[in-house]
Amino acid sequence: MTEARFDETIHAPVRLRICGLLNKADRLDFAVLRDTLGISDATLSKHIKTLADSHYVTISKSSSAKRTDARRVTWLSLSPTGRSAFAAHVRALQDIADSRA
């Protein structure tokens, strides 16, 4: 079982949602993540940068056969460090919710 550890980086509401969505998938397209969260490109970029700077998220780019222009698709995924940190944070939240006053 993962040891509980509250993580301030992950705990911000948008970052918590990003990690939750990425935890369910191998990787997600930036645009799909943005649309699912209902936030702007700039807001998502800011939060992804914070998570990437903490080594929680990895970013890769690839060309897309569906596009007719030269733009590339940005793929996001939780790193092994990010998955571990997210699991520990969720465990900490469960401990908080289960604690008796």
C-alpha atoms as a PDB file:
ATOM      1  CA  MET A   1       0.000   0.000   0.000  1.00  0.00           C
ATOM      2  CA  THR A   2       1.214   3.495  -0.814  1.00  0.00           C
ATOM      3  CA  GLU A   3       2.348   5.588   2.142  1.00  0.00           C
ATOM      4  CA  ALA A   4       0.223   8.695   2.612  1.00  0.00           C
ATOM      5  CA  ARG A   5       1.941  11.975   1.768  1.00  0.00           C
ATOM      6  CA  PHE A   6       0.124  15.273   1.239  1.00  0.00           C
ATOM      7  CA  ASP A   7       1.562  17.057  -1.809  1.00  0.00           C
ATOM      8  CA  GLU A   8       1.050  20.826  -2.148  1.00  0.00           C
ATOM      9  CA  THR A   9       2.001  20.730  -5.842  1.00  0.00           C
ATOM     10  CA  ILE A  10      -0.674  18.194  -6.706  1.00  0.00           C
ATOM     11  CA  HIS A  11      -3.313  19.542  -4.304  1.00  0.00           C
ATOM     12  CA  ALA A  12      -4.215  22.677  -6.306  1.00  0.00           C
ATOM     13  CA  PRO A  13      -7.675  21.862  -7.748  1.00  0.00           C
ATOM     14  CA  VAL A  14      -6.764  22.015 -11.447  1.00  0.00           C
ATOM     15  CA  ARG A  15      -3.526  20.063 -10.925  1.00  0.00           C
ATOM     16  CA  LEU A  16      -5.369  17.464  -8.856  1.00  0.00           C
ATOM     17  CA  ARG A  17      -7.845  17.002 -11.716  1.00  0.00           C
ATOM     18  CA  ILE A  18      -5.014  16.846 -14.279  1.00  0.00           C
ATOM     19  CA  CYS A  19      -3.264  14.127 -12.287  1.00  0.00           C
ATOM     20  CA  GLY A  20      -6.528  12.236 -11.814  1.00  0.00           C
ATOM     21  CA  LEU A  21      -7.210  12.210 -15.541  1.00  0.00           C
ATOM     22  CA  LEU A  22      -3.634  11.332 -16.489  1.00  0.00           C
ATOM     23  CA  ASN A  23      -3.557   8.576 -13.882  1.00  0.00           C
ATOM     24  CA  LYS A  24      -6.331   6.770 -15.784  1.00  0.00           C
ATOM     25  CA  ALA A  25      -4.529   6.857 -19.128  1.00  0.00           C
ATOM     26  CA  ASP A  26      -1.168   6.060 -20.633  1.00  0.00           C
ATOM     27  CA  ARG A  27      -1.161   9.540 -22.193  1.00  0.00           C
ATOM     28  CA  LEU A  28      -3.608  12.266 -23.208  1.00  0.00           C
ATOM     29  CA  ASP A  29      -3.581  14.871 -25.957  1.00  0.00           C
ATOM     30  CA  PHE A  30      -3.210  18.435 -24.626  1.00  0.00           C
ATOM     31  CA  ALA A  31      -6.391  19.527 -26.436  1.00  0.00           C
ATOM     32  CA  VAL A  32      -8.436  16.633 -25.042  1.00  0.00           C
ATOM     33  CA  LEU A  33      -7.231  17.391 -21.515  1.00  0.00           C
ATOM     34  CA  ARG A  34      -7.969  21.118 -21.966  1.00  0.00           C
ATOM     35  CA  ASP A  35     -11.470  20.440 -23.268  1.00  0.00           C
ATOM     36  CA  THR A  36     -12.233  17.863 -20.574  1.00  0.00           C
ATOM     37  CA  LEU A  37     -11.193  20.312 -17.852  1.00  0.00           C
ATOM     38  CA  GLY A  38     -12.936  23.251 -19.553  1.00  0.00           C
ATOM     39  CA  ILE A  39      -9.942  25.574 -19.167  1.00  0.00           C
ATOM     40  CA  SER A  40      -7.880  27.733 -21.517  1.00  0.00           C
ATOM     41  CA  ASP A  41      -4.629  26.713 -23.209  1.00  0.00           C
ATOM     42  CA  ALA A  42      -2.757  29.235 -21.047  1.00  0.00           C
ATOM     43  CA  THR A  43      -4.205  27.888 -17.803  1.00  0.00           C
ATOM     44  CA  LEU A  44      -3.460  24.281 -18.729  1.00  0.00           C
ATOM     45  CA  SER A  45       0.064  25.205 -19.864  1.00  0.00           C
ATOM     46  CA  LYS A  46       0.767  26.946 -16.552  1.00  0.00           C
ATOM     47  CA  HIS A  47      -0.331  23.942 -14.505  1.00  0.00           C
ATOM     48  CA  ILE A  48       1.455  21.451 -16.767  1.00  0.00           C
ATOM     49  CA  LYS A  49       4.668  23.464 -16.405  1.00  0.00           C
ATOM     50  CA  THR A  50       4.380  23.292 -12.599  1.00  0.00           C
ATOM     51  CA  LEU A  51       3.830  19.525 -12.728  1.00  0.00           C
ATOM     52  CA  ALA A  52       6.634  19.026 -15.273  1.00  0.00           C
ATOM     53  CA  ASP A  53       9.048  21.117 -13.174  1.00  0.00           C
ATOM     54  CA  SER A  54       8.324  18.718 -10.297  1.00  0.00           C
ATOM     55  CA  HIS A  55       8.977  15.759 -12.649  1.00  0.00           C
ATOM     56  CA  TYR A  56       5.376  14.586 -12.249  1.00  0.00           C
ATOM     57  CA  VAL A  57       4.346  15.003 -15.891  1.00  0.00           C
ATOM     58  CA  THR A  58       6.184  14.192 -19.093  1.00  0.00           C
ATOM     59  CA  ILE A  59       5.541  16.024 -22.342  1.00  0.00           C
ATOM     60  CA  SER A  60       6.129  14.653 -25.823  1.00  0.00           C
ATOM     61  CA  LYS A  61       5.221  15.915 -29.265  1.00  0.00           C
ATOM     62  CA  SER A  62       4.470  14.003 -32.425  1.00  0.00           C
ATOM     63  CA  SER A  63       3.062  14.645 -35.868  1.00  0.00           C
ATOM     64  CA  SER A  64      -0.505  13.678 -36.581  1.00  0.00           C
ATOM     65  CA  ALA A  65      -1.850  12.056 -39.713  1.00  0.00           C
ATOM     66  CA  LYS A  66      -5.162  13.825 -39.048  1.00  0.00           C
ATOM     67  CA  ARG A  67      -3.626  17.283 -39.447  1.00  0.00           C
ATOM     68  CA  THR A  68      -2.899  18.887 -42.767  1.00  0.00           C
ATOM     69  CA  ASP A  69      -0.563  21.521 -41.308  1.00  0.00           C
ATOM     70  CA  ALA A  70       2.853  21.160 -39.671  1.00  0.00           C
ATOM     71  CA  ARG A  71       1.588  21.499 -36.109  1.00  0.00           C
ATOM     72  CA  ARG A  72       2.390  18.665 -33.770  1.00  0.00           C
ATOM     73  CA  VAL A  73       0.230  16.985 -31.137  1.00  0.00           C
ATOM     74  CA  THR A  74       1.356  17.515 -27.541  1.00  0.00           C
ATOM     75  CA  TRP A  75       0.998  14.373 -25.440  1.00  0.00           C
ATOM     76  CA  LEU A  76       0.976  14.453 -21.643  1.00  0.00           C
ATOM     77  CA  SER A  77       1.461  11.595 -19.219  1.00  0.00           C
ATOM     78  CA  LEU A  78       2.188  11.041 -15.552  1.00  0.00           C
ATOM     79  CA  SER A  79       5.754   9.966 -14.947  1.00  0.00           C
ATOM     80  CA  PRO A  80       6.459   7.093 -12.542  1.00  0.00           C
ATOM     81  CA  THR A  81       7.349   9.780  -9.973  1.00  0.00           C
ATOM     82  CA  GLY A  82       4.056  11.536 -10.690  1.00  0.00           C
ATOM     83  CA  ARG A  83       2.026   8.333 -10.353  1.00  0.00           C
ATOM     84  CA  SER A  84       3.672   7.590  -7.028  1.00  0.00           C
ATOM     85  CA  ALA A  85       3.158  11.144  -5.745  1.00  0.00           C
ATOM     86  CA  PHE A  86      -0.483  11.141  -6.869  1.00  0.00           C
ATOM     87  CA  ALA A  87      -1.162   7.790  -5.161  1.00  0.00           C
ATOM     88  CA  ALA A  88       0.473   9.061  -1.948  1.00  0.00           C
ATOM     89  CA  HIS A  89      -1.563  12.278  -2.094  1.00  0.00           C
ATOM     90  CA  VAL A  90      -4.838  10.420  -2.644  1.00  0.00           C
ATOM     91  CA  ARG A  91      -3.953   8.195   0.302  1.00  0.00           C
ATOM     92  CA  ALA A  92      -3.323  11.299   2.463  1.00  0.00           C
ATOM     93  CA  LEU A  93      -6.709  12.715   1.442  1.00  0.00           C
ATOM     94  CA  GLN A  94      -8.366   9.405   2.308  1.00  0.00           C
ATOM     95  CA  ASP A  95      -6.666   9.462   5.711  1.00  0.00           C
ATOM     96  CA  ILE A  96      -7.945  12.993   6.291  1.00  0.00           C
ATOM     97  CA  ALA A  97     -11.473  12.019   5.239  1.00  0.00           C
ATOM     98  CA  ASP A  98     -11.411   8.887   7.399  1.00  0.00           C
ATOM     99  CA  SER A  99     -10.020  10.546  10.514  1.00  0.00           C
ATOM    100  CA  ARG A 100     -12.302  10.941  13.483  1.00  0.00           C
ATOM    101  CA  ALA A 101     -12.460  14.264  15.313  1.00  0.00           C
END
